[in-house]
Amino acid sequence: MSAMTKKAKNFKKSKTGLYVSMATTAFGALSVAKQAKLARSDNDTLRLIDAAVSAAAIASGLAILYRELKRLGDDDVLLG
């Protein structure tokens, strides 16, 4: 394993990596909001259900990332 690969794997478990993951996940919420708005205007029930399921996936993904962020904070003495 090269040093660059090892560094990239450790980035995912860092605070910065978690913040980037949270931001990209939250950015996906904009797409879901557009999808829901379009589905409502077209009266497309199936697309609206898809948007609701996608929104639930985004919410649970953000909750998991937040939990991981809290776990990283628990190891830090200064954060309490």
PDB file of N, CA and C in Angstrom:
ATOM      1  N   MET A   1       0.851  -1.175   0.000  1.00  0.00           N
ATOM      2  CA  MET A   1       0.000   0.000   0.000  1.00  0.00           C
ATOM      3  C   MET A   1       0.896   1.237   0.000  1.00  0.00           C
ATOM      4  N   SER A   2       0.641   2.133  -0.923  1.00  0.00           N
ATOM      5  CA  SER A   2       1.463   3.331  -1.024  1.00  0.00           C
ATOM      6  C   SER A   2       1.092   4.318   0.078  1.00  0.00           C
ATOM      7  N   ALA A   3       1.960   5.264   0.274  1.00  0.00           N
ATOM      8  CA  ALA A   3       1.725   6.271   1.308  1.00  0.00           C
ATOM      9  C   ALA A   3       0.502   7.115   0.971  1.00  0.00           C
ATOM     10  N   MET A   4       0.318   7.369  -0.323  1.00  0.00           N
ATOM     11  CA  MET A   4      -0.825   8.188  -0.743  1.00  0.00           C
ATOM     12  C   MET A   4      -2.145   7.456  -0.479  1.00  0.00           C
ATOM     13  N   THR A   5      -2.177   6.160  -0.734  1.00  0.00           N
ATOM     14  CA  THR A   5      -3.386   5.373  -0.489  1.00  0.00           C
ATOM     15  C   THR A   5      -3.697   5.319   1.001  1.00  0.00           C
ATOM     16  N   LYS A   6      -2.669   5.154   1.798  1.00  0.00           N
ATOM     17  CA  LYS A   6      -2.859   5.100   3.247  1.00  0.00           C
ATOM     18  C   LYS A   6      -3.372   6.442   3.775  1.00  0.00           C
ATOM     19  N   LYS A   7      -2.831   7.517   3.217  1.00  0.00           N
ATOM     20  CA  LYS A   7      -3.260   8.844   3.631  1.00  0.00           C
ATOM     21  C   LYS A   7      -4.725   9.083   3.259  1.00  0.00           C
ATOM     22  N   ALA A   8      -5.134   8.613   2.084  1.00  0.00           N
ATOM     23  CA  ALA A   8      -6.517   8.777   1.635  1.00  0.00           C
ATOM     24  C   ALA A   8      -7.470   7.970   2.510  1.00  0.00           C
ATOM     25  N   LYS A   9      -7.068   6.776   2.928  1.00  0.00           N
ATOM     26  CA  LYS A   9      -7.933   5.963   3.789  1.00  0.00           C
ATOM     27  C   LYS A   9      -8.086   6.608   5.158  1.00  0.00           C
ATOM     28  N   ASN A  10      -7.026   7.210   5.671  1.00  0.00           N
ATOM     29  CA  ASN A  10      -7.109   7.869   6.974  1.00  0.00           C
ATOM     30  C   ASN A  10      -7.923   9.156   6.903  1.00  0.00           C
ATOM     31  N   PHE A  11      -8.019   9.763   5.715  1.00  0.00           N
ATOM     32  CA  PHE A  11      -8.797  10.988   5.558  1.00  0.00           C
ATOM     33  C   PHE A  11     -10.273  10.728   5.817  1.00  0.00           C
ATOM     34  N   LYS A  12     -10.768   9.567   5.411  1.00  0.00           N
ATOM     35  CA  LYS A  12     -12.177   9.235   5.630  1.00  0.00           C
ATOM     36  C   LYS A  12     -12.530   9.205   7.110  1.00  0.00           C
ATOM     37  N   LYS A  13     -11.583   8.840   7.936  1.00  0.00           N
ATOM     38  CA  LYS A  13     -11.848   8.712   9.369  1.00  0.00           C
ATOM     39  C   LYS A  13     -11.445   9.951  10.150  1.00  0.00           C
ATOM     40  N   SER A  14     -11.058  11.015   9.455  1.00  0.00           N
ATOM     41  CA  SER A  14     -10.680  12.248  10.133  1.00  0.00           C
ATOM     42  C   SER A  14     -11.892  13.167  10.243  1.00  0.00           C
ATOM     43  N   LYS A  15     -11.748  14.190  11.077  1.00  0.00           N
ATOM     44  CA  LYS A  15     -12.841  15.152  11.226  1.00  0.00           C
ATOM     45  C   LYS A  15     -13.113  15.866   9.909  1.00  0.00           C
ATOM     46  N   THR A  16     -12.056  16.225   9.219  1.00  0.00           N
ATOM     47  CA  THR A  16     -12.227  16.912   7.942  1.00  0.00           C
ATOM     48  C   THR A  16     -12.961  16.025   6.949  1.00  0.00           C
ATOM     49  N   GLY A  17     -12.589  14.765   6.906  1.00  0.00           N
ATOM     50  CA  GLY A  17     -13.249  13.825   6.013  1.00  0.00           C
ATOM     51  C   GLY A  17     -14.725  13.666   6.325  1.00  0.00           C
ATOM     52  N   LEU A  18     -15.038  13.641   7.614  1.00  0.00           N
ATOM     53  CA  LEU A  18     -16.443  13.524   8.009  1.00  0.00           C
ATOM     54  C   LEU A  18     -17.227  14.779   7.653  1.00  0.00           C
ATOM     55  N   TYR A  19     -16.605  15.938   7.820  1.00  0.00           N
ATOM     56  CA  TYR A  19     -17.277  17.179   7.438  1.00  0.00           C
ATOM     57  C   TYR A  19     -17.527  17.225   5.931  1.00  0.00           C
ATOM     58  N   VAL A  20     -16.552  16.781   5.149  1.00  0.00           N
ATOM     59  CA  VAL A  20     -16.725  16.754   3.697  1.00  0.00           C
ATOM     60  C   VAL A  20     -17.841  15.779   3.329  1.00  0.00           C
ATOM     61  N   SER A  21     -17.883  14.625   3.974  1.00  0.00           N
ATOM     62  CA  SER A  21     -18.942  13.648   3.712  1.00  0.00           C
ATOM     63  C   SER A  21     -20.313  14.203   4.073  1.00  0.00           C
ATOM     64  N   MET A  22     -20.385  14.904   5.196  1.00  0.00           N
ATOM     65  CA  MET A  22     -21.658  15.494   5.604  1.00  0.00           C
ATOM     66  C   MET A  22     -22.103  16.567   4.608  1.00  0.00           C
ATOM     67  N   ALA A  23     -21.161  17.359   4.129  1.00  0.00           N
ATOM     68  CA  ALA A  23     -21.503  18.419   3.176  1.00  0.00           C
ATOM     69  C   ALA A  23     -21.991  17.833   1.856  1.00  0.00           C
ATOM     70  N   THR A  24     -21.329  16.798   1.365  1.00  0.00           N
ATOM     71  CA  THR A  24     -21.758  16.211   0.098  1.00  0.00           C
ATOM     72  C   THR A  24     -23.094  15.499   0.240  1.00  0.00           C
ATOM     73  N   THR A  25     -23.322  14.898   1.394  1.00  0.00           N
ATOM     74  CA  THR A  25     -24.607  14.247   1.633  1.00  0.00           C
ATOM     75  C   THR A  25     -25.718  15.289   1.713  1.00  0.00           C
ATOM     76  N   ALA A  26     -25.453  16.385   2.411  1.00  0.00           N
ATOM     77  CA  ALA A  26     -26.449  17.450   2.512  1.00  0.00           C
ATOM     78  C   ALA A  26     -26.687  18.097   1.149  1.00  0.00           C
ATOM     79  N   PHE A  27     -25.664  18.166   0.317  1.00  0.00           N
ATOM     80  CA  PHE A  27     -25.812  18.718  -1.029  1.00  0.00           C
ATOM     81  C   PHE A  27     -26.768  17.854  -1.851  1.00  0.00           C
ATOM     82  N   GLY A  28     -26.790  16.559  -1.591  1.00  0.00           N
ATOM     83  CA  GLY A  28     -27.721  15.663  -2.263  1.00  0.00           C
ATOM     84  C   GLY A  28     -29.166  15.971  -1.918  1.00  0.00           C
ATOM     85  N   ALA A  29     -29.383  16.613  -0.784  1.00  0.00           N
ATOM     86  CA  ALA A  29     -30.740  16.980  -0.384  1.00  0.00           C
ATOM     87  C   ALA A  29     -31.341  17.996  -1.352  1.00  0.00           C
ATOM     88  N   LEU A  30     -30.502  18.824  -1.968  1.00  0.00           N
ATOM     89  CA  LEU A  30     -31.011  19.787  -2.950  1.00  0.00           C
ATOM     90  C   LEU A  30     -31.614  19.067  -4.149  1.00  0.00           C
ATOM     91  N   SER A  31     -30.952  18.022  -4.587  1.00  0.00           N
ATOM     92  CA  SER A  31     -31.456  17.234  -5.710  1.00  0.00           C
ATOM     93  C   SER A  31     -32.770  16.550  -5.355  1.00  0.00           C
ATOM     94  N   VAL A  32     -32.865  16.044  -4.148  1.00  0.00           N
ATOM     95  CA  VAL A  32     -34.096  15.386  -3.704  1.00  0.00           C
ATOM     96  C   VAL A  32     -35.232  16.398  -3.600  1.00  0.00           C
ATOM     97  N   ALA A  33     -34.919  17.610  -3.147  1.00  0.00           N
ATOM     98  CA  ALA A  33     -35.953  18.650  -3.048  1.00  0.00           C
ATOM     99  C   ALA A  33     -36.476  19.021  -4.433  1.00  0.00           C
ATOM    100  N   LYS A  34     -35.567  19.120  -5.405  1.00  0.00           N
ATOM    101  CA  LYS A  34     -35.994  19.400  -6.781  1.00  0.00           C
ATOM    102  C   LYS A  34     -36.875  18.272  -7.314  1.00  0.00           C
ATOM    103  N   GLN A  35     -36.463  17.032  -7.011  1.00  0.00           N
ATOM    104  CA  GLN A  35     -37.222  15.869  -7.475  1.00  0.00           C
ATOM    105  C   GLN A  35     -38.622  15.873  -6.864  1.00  0.00           C
ATOM    106  N   ALA A  36     -38.731  16.196  -5.597  1.00  0.00           N
ATOM    107  CA  ALA A  36     -40.032  16.218  -4.928  1.00  0.00           C
ATOM    108  C   ALA A  36     -40.912  17.328  -5.485  1.00  0.00           C
ATOM    109  N   LYS A  37     -40.307  18.481  -5.739  1.00  0.00           N
ATOM    110  CA  LYS A  37     -41.075  19.598  -6.281  1.00  0.00           C
ATOM    111  C   LYS A  37     -41.613  19.259  -7.677  1.00  0.00           C
ATOM    112  N   LEU A  38     -40.783  18.650  -8.489  1.00  0.00           N
ATOM    113  CA  LEU A  38     -41.205  18.252  -9.830  1.00  0.00           C
ATOM    114  C   LEU A  38     -42.302  17.181  -9.763  1.00  0.00           C
ATOM    115  N   ALA A  39     -42.143  16.242  -8.833  1.00  0.00           N
ATOM    116  CA  ALA A  39     -43.137  15.175  -8.691  1.00  0.00           C
ATOM    117  C   ALA A  39     -44.491  15.741  -8.254  1.00  0.00           C
ATOM    118  N   ARG A  40     -44.451  16.724  -7.348  1.00  0.00           N
ATOM    119  CA  ARG A  40     -45.706  17.336  -6.907  1.00  0.00           C
ATOM    120  C   ARG A  40     -46.387  18.106  -8.030  1.00  0.00           C
ATOM    121  N   SER A  41     -45.585  18.795  -8.822  1.00  0.00           N
ATOM    122  CA  SER A  41     -46.191  19.584  -9.909  1.00  0.00           C
ATOM    123  C   SER A  41     -46.754  18.685 -11.014  1.00  0.00           C
ATOM    124  N   ASP A  42     -46.149  17.503 -11.212  1.00  0.00           N
ATOM    125  CA  ASP A  42     -46.629  16.557 -12.221  1.00  0.00           C
ATOM    126  C   ASP A  42     -47.655  15.561 -11.672  1.00  0.00           C
ATOM    127  N   ASN A  43     -47.949  15.634 -10.381  1.00  0.00           N
ATOM    128  CA  ASN A  43     -48.817  14.665  -9.708  1.00  0.00           C
ATOM    129  C   ASN A  43     -48.336  13.233  -9.928  1.00  0.00           C
ATOM    130  N   ASP A  44     -47.028  13.037  -9.829  1.00  0.00           N
ATOM    131  CA  ASP A  44     -46.412  11.725 -10.032  1.00  0.00           C
ATOM    132  C   ASP A  44     -46.149  11.088  -8.667  1.00  0.00           C
ATOM    133  N   THR A  45     -47.020  10.176  -8.283  1.00  0.00           N
ATOM    134  CA  THR A  45     -46.934   9.557  -6.964  1.00  0.00           C
ATOM    135  C   THR A  45     -45.675   8.710  -6.809  1.00  0.00           C
ATOM    136  N   LEU A  46     -45.322   7.985  -7.842  1.00  0.00           N
ATOM    137  CA  LEU A  46     -44.145   7.110  -7.754  1.00  0.00           C
ATOM    138  C   LEU A  46     -42.871   7.922  -7.573  1.00  0.00           C
ATOM    139  N   ARG A  47     -42.745   9.020  -8.282  1.00  0.00           N
ATOM    140  CA  ARG A  47     -41.570   9.876  -8.135  1.00  0.00           C
ATOM    141  C   ARG A  47     -41.549  10.531  -6.761  1.00  0.00           C
ATOM    142  N   LEU A  48     -42.713  10.851  -6.242  1.00  0.00           N
ATOM    143  CA  LEU A  48     -42.799  11.453  -4.910  1.00  0.00           C
ATOM    144  C   LEU A  48     -42.378  10.449  -3.841  1.00  0.00           C
ATOM    145  N   ILE A  49     -42.768   9.204  -3.995  1.00  0.00           N
ATOM    146  CA  ILE A  49     -42.339   8.154  -3.062  1.00  0.00           C
ATOM    147  C   ILE A  49     -40.832   7.978  -3.144  1.00  0.00           C
ATOM    148  N   ASP A  50     -40.287   8.002  -4.366  1.00  0.00           N
ATOM    149  CA  ASP A  50     -38.841   7.877  -4.540  1.00  0.00           C
ATOM    150  C   ASP A  50     -38.107   9.021  -3.846  1.00  0.00           C
ATOM    151  N   ALA A  51     -38.640  10.229  -3.950  1.00  0.00           N
ATOM    152  CA  ALA A  51     -38.032  11.380  -3.285  1.00  0.00           C
ATOM    153  C   ALA A  51     -38.091  11.232  -1.764  1.00  0.00           C
ATOM    154  N   ALA A  52     -39.196  10.705  -1.255  1.00  0.00           N
ATOM    155  CA  ALA A  52     -39.329  10.513   0.194  1.00  0.00           C
ATOM    156  C   ALA A  52     -38.340   9.473   0.703  1.00  0.00           C
ATOM    157  N   VAL A  53     -38.172   8.393  -0.045  1.00  0.00           N
ATOM    158  CA  VAL A  53     -37.220   7.355   0.354  1.00  0.00           C
ATOM    159  C   VAL A  53     -35.791   7.899   0.286  1.00  0.00           C
ATOM    160  N   SER A  54     -35.508   8.680  -0.739  1.00  0.00           N
ATOM    161  CA  SER A  54     -34.177   9.284  -0.863  1.00  0.00           C
ATOM    162  C   SER A  54     -33.916  10.258   0.284  1.00  0.00           C
ATOM    163  N   ALA A  55     -34.926  11.016   0.665  1.00  0.00           N
ATOM    164  CA  ALA A  55     -34.777  11.950   1.786  1.00  0.00           C
ATOM    165  C   ALA A  55     -34.514  11.203   3.087  1.00  0.00           C
ATOM    166  N   ALA A  56     -35.180  10.077   3.270  1.00  0.00           N
ATOM    167  CA  ALA A  56     -34.943   9.270   4.467  1.00  0.00           C
ATOM    168  C   ALA A  56     -33.517   8.720   4.467  1.00  0.00           C
ATOM    169  N   ALA A  57     -33.021   8.325   3.301  1.00  0.00           N
ATOM    170  CA  ALA A  57     -31.654   7.821   3.202  1.00  0.00           C
ATOM    171  C   ALA A  57     -30.645   8.920   3.521  1.00  0.00           C
ATOM    172  N   ILE A  58     -30.912  10.121   3.067  1.00  0.00           N
ATOM    173  CA  ILE A  58     -30.022  11.245   3.357  1.00  0.00           C
ATOM    174  C   ILE A  58     -30.044  11.564   4.850  1.00  0.00           C
ATOM    175  N   ALA A  59     -31.218  11.555   5.447  1.00  0.00           N
ATOM    176  CA  ALA A  59     -31.331  11.842   6.881  1.00  0.00           C
ATOM    177  C   ALA A  59     -30.595  10.805   7.717  1.00  0.00           C
ATOM    178  N   SER A  60     -30.753   9.533   7.371  1.00  0.00           N
ATOM    179  CA  SER A  60     -30.060   8.501   8.145  1.00  0.00           C
ATOM    180  C   SER A  60     -28.551   8.560   7.892  1.00  0.00           C
ATOM    181  N   GLY A  61     -28.144   8.902   6.673  1.00  0.00           N
ATOM    182  CA  GLY A  61     -26.710   9.043   6.383  1.00  0.00           C
ATOM    183  C   GLY A  61     -26.087  10.170   7.173  1.00  0.00           C
ATOM    184  N   LEU A  62     -26.784  11.293   7.266  1.00  0.00           N
ATOM    185  CA  LEU A  62     -26.280  12.406   8.068  1.00  0.00           C
ATOM    186  C   LEU A  62     -26.227  12.048   9.547  1.00  0.00           C
ATOM    187  N   ALA A  63     -27.210  11.287  10.031  1.00  0.00           N
ATOM    188  CA  ALA A  63     -27.205  10.866  11.434  1.00  0.00           C
ATOM    189  C   ALA A  63     -26.020   9.955  11.729  1.00  0.00           C
ATOM    190  N   ILE A  64     -25.713   9.061  10.815  1.00  0.00           N
ATOM    191  CA  ILE A  64     -24.567   8.161  11.001  1.00  0.00           C
ATOM    192  C   ILE A  64     -23.266   8.954  10.994  1.00  0.00           C
ATOM    193  N   LEU A  65     -23.137   9.889  10.057  1.00  0.00           N
ATOM    194  CA  LEU A  65     -21.916  10.707  10.011  1.00  0.00           C
ATOM    195  C   LEU A  65     -21.776  11.565  11.263  1.00  0.00           C
ATOM    196  N   TYR A  66     -22.888  12.096  11.765  1.00  0.00           N
ATOM    197  CA  TYR A  66     -22.843  12.880  13.000  1.00  0.00           C
ATOM    198  C   TYR A  66     -22.398  12.019  14.178  1.00  0.00           C
ATOM    199  N   ARG A  67     -22.907  10.783  14.229  1.00  0.00           N
ATOM    200  CA  ARG A  67     -22.496   9.876  15.300  1.00  0.00           C
ATOM    201  C   ARG A  67     -20.994   9.595  15.229  1.00  0.00           C
ATOM    202  N   GLU A  68     -20.470   9.389  14.021  1.00  0.00           N
ATOM    203  CA  GLU A  68     -19.037   9.154  13.862  1.00  0.00           C
ATOM    204  C   GLU A  68     -18.235  10.376  14.287  1.00  0.00           C
ATOM    205  N   LEU A  69     -18.745  11.550  13.986  1.00  0.00           N
ATOM    206  CA  LEU A  69     -18.080  12.779  14.392  1.00  0.00           C
ATOM    207  C   LEU A  69     -18.047  12.901  15.904  1.00  0.00           C
ATOM    208  N   LYS A  70     -19.147  12.534  16.547  1.00  0.00           N
ATOM    209  CA  LYS A  70     -19.179  12.556  18.020  1.00  0.00           C
ATOM    210  C   LYS A  70     -18.185  11.550  18.604  1.00  0.00           C
ATOM    211  N   ARG A  71     -18.050  10.380  17.971  1.00  0.00           N
ATOM    212  CA  ARG A  71     -17.107   9.389  18.454  1.00  0.00           C
ATOM    213  C   ARG A  71     -15.680   9.884  18.355  1.00  0.00           C
ATOM    214  N   LEU A  72     -15.375  10.579  17.268  1.00  0.00           N
ATOM    215  CA  LEU A  72     -14.035  11.144  17.148  1.00  0.00           C
ATOM    216  C   LEU A  72     -13.808  12.197  18.229  1.00  0.00           C
ATOM    217  N   GLY A  73     -14.843  12.967  18.550  1.00  0.00           N
ATOM    218  CA  GLY A  73     -14.738  13.979  19.575  1.00  0.00           C
ATOM    219  C   GLY A  73     -14.579  13.400  20.967  1.00  0.00           C
ATOM    220  N   ASP A  74     -15.123  12.198  21.201  1.00  0.00           N
ATOM    221  CA  ASP A  74     -15.006  11.577  22.519  1.00  0.00           C
ATOM    222  C   ASP A  74     -13.572  11.207  22.852  1.00  0.00           C
ATOM    223  N   ASP A  75     -12.767  10.952  21.829  1.00  0.00           N
ATOM    224  CA  ASP A  75     -11.369  10.604  22.064  1.00  0.00           C
ATOM    225  C   ASP A  75     -10.521  11.822  22.410  1.00  0.00           C
ATOM    226  N   ASP A  76     -10.999  12.993  22.062  1.00  0.00           N
ATOM    227  CA  ASP A  76     -10.242  14.223  22.289  1.00  0.00           C
ATOM    228  C   ASP A  76     -10.519  14.730  23.696  1.00  0.00           C
ATOM    229  N   VAL A  77      -9.469  14.910  24.476  1.00  0.00           N
ATOM    230  CA  VAL A  77      -9.605  15.349  25.870  1.00  0.00           C
ATOM    231  C   VAL A  77     -10.105  16.777  25.932  1.00  0.00           C
ATOM    232  N   LEU A  78      -9.683  17.622  25.000  1.00  0.00           N
ATOM    233  CA  LEU A  78     -10.065  19.025  25.030  1.00  0.00           C
ATOM    234  C   LEU A  78     -11.519  19.266  24.671  1.00  0.00           C
ATOM    235  N   LEU A  79     -12.105  18.370  23.882  1.00  0.00           N
ATOM    236  CA  LEU A  79     -13.502  18.534  23.481  1.00  0.00           C
ATOM    237  C   LEU A  79     -14.482  18.085  24.550  1.00  0.00           C
ATOM    238  N   GLY A  80     -14.023  17.338  25.499  1.00  0.00           N
ATOM    239  CA  GLY A  80     -14.891  16.909  26.584  1.00  0.00           C
ATOM    240  C   GLY A  80     -15.540  15.664  26.237  1.00  0.00           C
TER     241      GLY A  80
END
